[in-house]
């Protein structure tokens, strides 16, 4: 069991590029149970707008877990020296808003 966990967390040096359409409905990428079946080590986020997007990593129940990324802004989430990699990637917009969010992640 421990061996499987270590294999899931090892760095493979592969880029995962995605374009996500954020709406006012909460969405999640579960990177352990869906493709690529390993957590991301870091993620570079680009919000192409038109509205603000909100991103949370791994847990949406922590205080201050949502990171606001306004239209045409970027953000980097680097978990390379963290105890926990990016296993769940949550994203959403405010009610009635949308945003196109591009993600370049490494695993």
N, C-alpha and C. Protein backbone atom coordinates (compact mmCIF):
# COMPACT_ATOMS: atom_id res chain seq x y z
N UNK A 1 0.82 -1.20 0.00
CA UNK A 1 0.00 0.00 0.00
C UNK A 1 0.86 1.27 0.00
N UNK A 2 1.88 1.28 0.81
CA UNK A 2 2.78 2.43 0.86
C UNK A 2 3.49 2.59 -0.48
N UNK A 3 3.90 1.47 -1.07
CA UNK A 3 4.58 1.51 -2.36
C UNK A 3 3.69 2.16 -3.42
N UNK A 4 2.40 1.80 -3.44
CA UNK A 4 1.47 2.40 -4.40
C UNK A 4 1.37 3.90 -4.20
N UNK A 5 1.32 4.32 -2.94
CA UNK A 5 1.22 5.75 -2.64
C UNK A 5 2.47 6.49 -3.12
N UNK A 6 3.64 5.92 -2.88
CA UNK A 6 4.89 6.54 -3.33
C UNK A 6 4.91 6.65 -4.85
N UNK A 7 4.45 5.62 -5.54
CA UNK A 7 4.40 5.66 -7.00
C UNK A 7 3.47 6.76 -7.49
N UNK A 8 2.37 7.00 -6.79
CA UNK A 8 1.44 8.05 -7.19
C UNK A 8 2.03 9.44 -7.02
N UNK A 9 2.97 9.59 -6.07
CA UNK A 9 3.50 10.91 -5.76
C UNK A 9 4.84 11.21 -6.43
N UNK A 10 5.42 10.28 -7.12
CA UNK A 10 6.73 10.53 -7.73
C UNK A 10 6.59 11.50 -8.92
N UNK A 11 7.62 12.24 -9.15
CA UNK A 11 7.63 13.22 -10.23
C UNK A 11 7.95 12.52 -11.54
N UNK A 12 7.08 12.69 -12.54
CA UNK A 12 7.28 12.05 -13.84
C UNK A 12 7.76 13.04 -14.90
N UNK A 13 7.66 14.34 -14.63
CA UNK A 13 8.12 15.34 -15.58
C UNK A 13 7.23 15.50 -16.80
N UNK A 14 5.96 15.18 -16.66
CA UNK A 14 5.01 15.26 -17.77
C UNK A 14 4.11 16.47 -17.57
N UNK A 15 3.84 17.19 -18.65
CA UNK A 15 2.95 18.35 -18.60
C UNK A 15 1.52 17.93 -18.92
N UNK A 16 0.59 18.41 -18.12
CA UNK A 16 -0.84 18.19 -18.33
C UNK A 16 -1.45 19.55 -18.65
N UNK A 17 -1.86 19.77 -19.89
CA UNK A 17 -2.44 21.04 -20.33
C UNK A 17 -3.94 20.87 -20.49
N UNK A 18 -4.70 21.77 -19.87
CA UNK A 18 -6.16 21.70 -19.96
C UNK A 18 -6.74 23.10 -20.11
N UNK A 19 -7.88 23.16 -20.78
CA UNK A 19 -8.68 24.38 -20.84
C UNK A 19 -10.01 24.06 -20.19
N UNK A 20 -10.34 24.80 -19.13
CA UNK A 20 -11.54 24.54 -18.34
C UNK A 20 -12.52 25.69 -18.50
N UNK A 21 -13.79 25.36 -18.57
CA UNK A 21 -14.84 26.38 -18.63
C UNK A 21 -15.48 26.49 -17.25
N UNK A 22 -15.16 27.54 -16.52
CA UNK A 22 -15.70 27.75 -15.18
C UNK A 22 -17.05 28.46 -15.28
N UNK A 23 -18.00 28.01 -14.48
CA UNK A 23 -19.32 28.63 -14.37
C UNK A 23 -19.61 28.82 -12.90
N UNK A 24 -20.86 29.17 -12.58
CA UNK A 24 -21.22 29.30 -11.17
C UNK A 24 -21.48 27.94 -10.51
N UNK A 25 -21.33 26.86 -11.25
CA UNK A 25 -21.44 25.51 -10.69
C UNK A 25 -20.04 25.03 -10.29
N UNK A 26 -19.90 24.58 -9.06
CA UNK A 26 -18.62 24.06 -8.57
C UNK A 26 -18.21 22.84 -9.39
N UNK A 27 -16.99 22.84 -9.87
CA UNK A 27 -16.43 21.70 -10.62
C UNK A 27 -15.15 21.26 -9.94
N UNK A 28 -14.82 19.99 -10.12
CA UNK A 28 -13.58 19.46 -9.54
C UNK A 28 -12.91 18.50 -10.51
N UNK A 29 -11.60 18.60 -10.58
CA UNK A 29 -10.78 17.59 -11.25
C UNK A 29 -10.20 16.73 -10.15
N UNK A 30 -10.52 15.46 -10.15
CA UNK A 30 -9.94 14.54 -9.18
C UNK A 30 -8.81 13.81 -9.88
N UNK A 31 -7.60 14.26 -9.64
CA UNK A 31 -6.45 13.80 -10.41
C UNK A 31 -5.95 12.42 -9.99
N UNK A 32 -6.41 11.91 -8.86
CA UNK A 32 -6.01 10.58 -8.40
C UNK A 32 -6.91 9.51 -9.01
N UNK A 33 -8.20 9.78 -9.08
CA UNK A 33 -9.17 8.79 -9.55
C UNK A 33 -9.56 8.95 -11.01
N UNK A 34 -9.12 10.05 -11.63
CA UNK A 34 -9.35 10.29 -13.05
C UNK A 34 -8.00 10.59 -13.70
N UNK A 35 -8.00 10.66 -15.02
CA UNK A 35 -6.78 10.95 -15.76
C UNK A 35 -6.12 12.21 -15.22
N UNK A 36 -4.87 12.23 -14.85
CA UNK A 36 -3.78 11.32 -15.16
C UNK A 36 -3.50 10.25 -14.09
N UNK A 37 -4.33 10.13 -13.07
CA UNK A 37 -4.21 9.14 -12.00
C UNK A 37 -3.01 9.36 -11.10
N UNK A 38 -2.43 10.53 -11.14
CA UNK A 38 -1.36 10.95 -10.23
C UNK A 38 -1.57 12.43 -9.93
N UNK A 39 -1.15 12.89 -8.75
CA UNK A 39 -1.34 14.31 -8.42
C UNK A 39 -0.38 15.21 -9.19
N UNK A 40 -0.82 16.44 -9.38
CA UNK A 40 0.06 17.44 -9.97
C UNK A 40 1.05 17.91 -8.91
N UNK A 41 2.23 18.29 -9.35
CA UNK A 41 3.23 18.86 -8.45
C UNK A 41 3.10 20.38 -8.41
N UNK A 42 2.82 20.96 -9.56
CA UNK A 42 2.55 22.40 -9.61
C UNK A 42 1.60 22.68 -10.76
N UNK A 43 1.00 23.86 -10.71
CA UNK A 43 0.05 24.25 -11.75
C UNK A 43 0.17 25.75 -12.02
N UNK A 44 0.26 26.11 -13.29
CA UNK A 44 0.27 27.49 -13.74
C UNK A 44 -1.11 27.77 -14.32
N UNK A 45 -1.82 28.75 -13.77
CA UNK A 45 -3.20 29.04 -14.13
C UNK A 45 -3.27 30.37 -14.87
N UNK A 46 -4.01 30.40 -15.96
CA UNK A 46 -4.25 31.62 -16.73
C UNK A 46 -5.76 31.78 -16.86
N UNK A 47 -6.29 32.89 -16.38
CA UNK A 47 -7.72 33.16 -16.52
C UNK A 47 -7.92 34.06 -17.74
N UNK A 48 -8.48 33.50 -18.80
CA UNK A 48 -8.75 34.26 -20.02
C UNK A 48 -10.07 35.03 -19.95
N UNK A 49 -10.77 34.92 -18.83
CA UNK A 49 -12.00 35.68 -18.63
C UNK A 49 -13.19 35.09 -19.35
N UNK A 50 -14.25 35.80 -19.43
CA UNK A 50 -14.36 37.24 -19.21
C UNK A 50 -14.48 37.65 -17.74
N UNK A 51 -14.76 36.70 -16.84
CA UNK A 51 -15.00 37.05 -15.44
C UNK A 51 -13.94 36.45 -14.52
N UNK A 52 -14.06 36.77 -13.23
CA UNK A 52 -13.16 36.25 -12.21
C UNK A 52 -13.45 34.77 -11.96
N UNK A 53 -12.38 33.99 -11.79
CA UNK A 53 -12.51 32.58 -11.43
C UNK A 53 -11.95 32.38 -10.02
N UNK A 54 -12.44 31.36 -9.35
CA UNK A 54 -11.97 31.00 -8.02
C UNK A 54 -11.45 29.58 -8.06
N UNK A 55 -10.25 29.39 -7.50
CA UNK A 55 -9.58 28.10 -7.53
C UNK A 55 -9.29 27.67 -6.10
N UNK A 56 -9.50 26.38 -5.82
CA UNK A 56 -9.13 25.80 -4.52
C UNK A 56 -8.38 24.50 -4.79
N UNK A 57 -7.44 24.21 -3.93
CA UNK A 57 -6.61 23.02 -4.07
C UNK A 57 -6.90 22.07 -2.91
N UNK A 58 -7.28 20.84 -3.24
CA UNK A 58 -7.43 19.71 -2.32
C UNK A 58 -8.57 19.77 -1.32
N UNK A 59 -8.93 20.92 -0.81
CA UNK A 59 -9.93 20.96 0.25
C UNK A 59 -10.69 22.28 0.17
N UNK A 60 -12.00 22.19 0.04
CA UNK A 60 -12.79 23.44 -0.02
C UNK A 60 -13.40 23.79 1.33
N UNK A 61 -13.04 23.05 2.36
CA UNK A 61 -13.60 23.31 3.69
C UNK A 61 -12.65 24.06 4.61
N UNK A 62 -11.47 24.39 4.14
CA UNK A 62 -10.52 25.16 4.94
C UNK A 62 -10.85 26.65 4.84
N UNK A 63 -10.58 27.41 5.89
CA UNK A 63 -10.74 28.86 5.78
C UNK A 63 -9.77 29.41 4.72
N UNK A 64 -10.21 30.38 3.98
CA UNK A 64 -9.39 31.04 2.95
C UNK A 64 -8.85 30.09 1.89
N UNK A 65 -9.60 29.05 1.57
CA UNK A 65 -9.11 28.07 0.59
C UNK A 65 -9.28 28.54 -0.85
N UNK A 66 -10.18 29.47 -1.10
CA UNK A 66 -10.45 29.92 -2.47
C UNK A 66 -9.50 31.04 -2.86
N UNK A 67 -8.87 30.89 -4.03
CA UNK A 67 -7.95 31.89 -4.57
C UNK A 67 -8.62 32.58 -5.75
N UNK A 68 -8.75 33.89 -5.64
CA UNK A 68 -9.39 34.69 -6.68
C UNK A 68 -8.38 34.97 -7.80
N UNK A 69 -8.79 34.67 -9.03
CA UNK A 69 -7.96 34.98 -10.19
C UNK A 69 -8.82 35.79 -11.15
N UNK A 70 -8.53 37.06 -11.25
CA UNK A 70 -9.32 37.94 -12.11
C UNK A 70 -9.00 37.68 -13.58
N UNK A 71 -9.87 38.16 -14.45
CA UNK A 71 -9.66 38.01 -15.90
C UNK A 71 -8.29 38.55 -16.29
N UNK A 72 -7.58 37.80 -17.10
CA UNK A 72 -6.24 38.14 -17.61
C UNK A 72 -5.15 38.09 -16.55
N UNK A 73 -5.43 37.49 -15.40
CA UNK A 73 -4.40 37.28 -14.39
C UNK A 73 -3.91 35.84 -14.45
N UNK A 74 -2.74 35.63 -13.84
CA UNK A 74 -2.17 34.29 -13.74
C UNK A 74 -1.88 33.98 -12.27
N UNK A 75 -1.71 32.71 -11.99
CA UNK A 75 -1.37 32.28 -10.63
C UNK A 75 -0.60 30.97 -10.73
N UNK A 76 0.36 30.78 -9.84
CA UNK A 76 1.10 29.53 -9.77
C UNK A 76 0.84 28.87 -8.43
N UNK A 77 0.52 27.60 -8.47
CA UNK A 77 0.40 26.78 -7.26
C UNK A 77 1.56 25.78 -7.32
N UNK A 78 2.51 25.92 -6.40
CA UNK A 78 3.69 25.06 -6.40
C UNK A 78 3.69 24.20 -5.14
N UNK A 79 3.48 22.92 -5.33
CA UNK A 79 3.44 21.97 -4.21
C UNK A 79 4.69 21.09 -4.20
N UNK A 80 5.76 21.51 -4.87
CA UNK A 80 6.95 20.67 -5.00
C UNK A 80 7.61 20.38 -3.66
N UNK A 81 7.53 21.28 -2.70
CA UNK A 81 8.10 20.98 -1.39
C UNK A 81 7.05 20.81 -0.32
N UNK A 82 5.80 20.70 -0.73
CA UNK A 82 4.71 20.51 0.23
C UNK A 82 4.54 19.02 0.56
N UNK A 83 3.94 18.77 1.69
CA UNK A 83 3.67 17.39 2.10
C UNK A 83 2.62 16.75 1.20
N UNK A 84 1.69 17.56 0.70
CA UNK A 84 0.59 17.05 -0.12
C UNK A 84 0.63 17.68 -1.51
N UNK A 85 0.54 16.86 -2.55
CA UNK A 85 0.50 17.33 -3.93
C UNK A 85 -0.91 17.81 -4.26
N UNK A 86 -1.14 18.23 -5.49
CA UNK A 86 -2.46 18.69 -5.92
C UNK A 86 -3.24 17.48 -6.41
N UNK A 87 -4.12 16.97 -5.57
CA UNK A 87 -4.92 15.79 -5.90
C UNK A 87 -6.31 16.18 -6.39
N UNK A 88 -6.86 17.26 -5.84
CA UNK A 88 -8.15 17.78 -6.29
C UNK A 88 -7.98 19.25 -6.65
N UNK A 89 -8.55 19.62 -7.80
CA UNK A 89 -8.47 20.99 -8.30
C UNK A 89 -9.91 21.47 -8.49
N UNK A 90 -10.35 22.38 -7.62
CA UNK A 90 -11.72 22.91 -7.65
C UNK A 90 -11.73 24.25 -8.37
N UNK A 91 -12.79 24.51 -9.12
CA UNK A 91 -12.90 25.81 -9.79
C UNK A 91 -14.36 26.21 -9.96
N UNK A 92 -14.58 27.53 -9.93
CA UNK A 92 -15.93 28.07 -10.08
C UNK A 92 -15.84 29.57 -10.32
N UNK A 93 -17.00 30.16 -10.66
CA UNK A 93 -17.15 31.62 -10.78
C UNK A 93 -18.29 32.05 -9.87
N UNK A 94 -18.49 33.35 -9.76
CA UNK A 94 -19.65 33.87 -9.04
C UNK A 94 -20.91 33.60 -9.85
N UNK A 95 -22.06 33.74 -9.21
CA UNK A 95 -23.34 33.47 -9.86
C UNK A 95 -23.50 34.28 -11.14
N UNK A 96 -23.87 33.58 -12.22
CA UNK A 96 -24.11 34.23 -13.50
C UNK A 96 -22.85 34.57 -14.29
N UNK A 97 -21.69 34.23 -13.78
CA UNK A 97 -20.44 34.56 -14.46
C UNK A 97 -19.78 33.30 -15.04
N UNK A 98 -18.87 33.53 -15.97
CA UNK A 98 -18.11 32.44 -16.59
C UNK A 98 -16.67 32.88 -16.81
N UNK A 99 -15.79 31.90 -16.96
CA UNK A 99 -14.39 32.19 -17.26
C UNK A 99 -13.77 30.98 -17.95
N UNK A 100 -12.89 31.25 -18.88
CA UNK A 100 -12.08 30.20 -19.49
C UNK A 100 -10.75 30.18 -18.76
N UNK A 101 -10.43 29.05 -18.17
CA UNK A 101 -9.24 28.91 -17.35
C UNK A 101 -8.31 27.89 -18.00
N UNK A 102 -7.10 28.34 -18.31
CA UNK A 102 -6.10 27.41 -18.86
C UNK A 102 -5.17 26.97 -17.74
N UNK A 103 -4.83 25.69 -17.74
CA UNK A 103 -3.96 25.11 -16.72
C UNK A 103 -2.80 24.39 -17.41
N UNK A 104 -1.59 24.70 -16.97
CA UNK A 104 -0.39 23.97 -17.37
C UNK A 104 0.18 23.38 -16.08
N UNK A 105 0.08 22.07 -15.94
CA UNK A 105 0.50 21.43 -14.70
C UNK A 105 1.57 20.38 -14.97
N UNK A 106 2.39 20.11 -13.97
CA UNK A 106 3.39 19.05 -14.05
C UNK A 106 3.06 17.96 -13.06
N UNK A 107 3.29 16.73 -13.49
CA UNK A 107 3.17 15.60 -12.55
C UNK A 107 4.32 14.64 -12.77
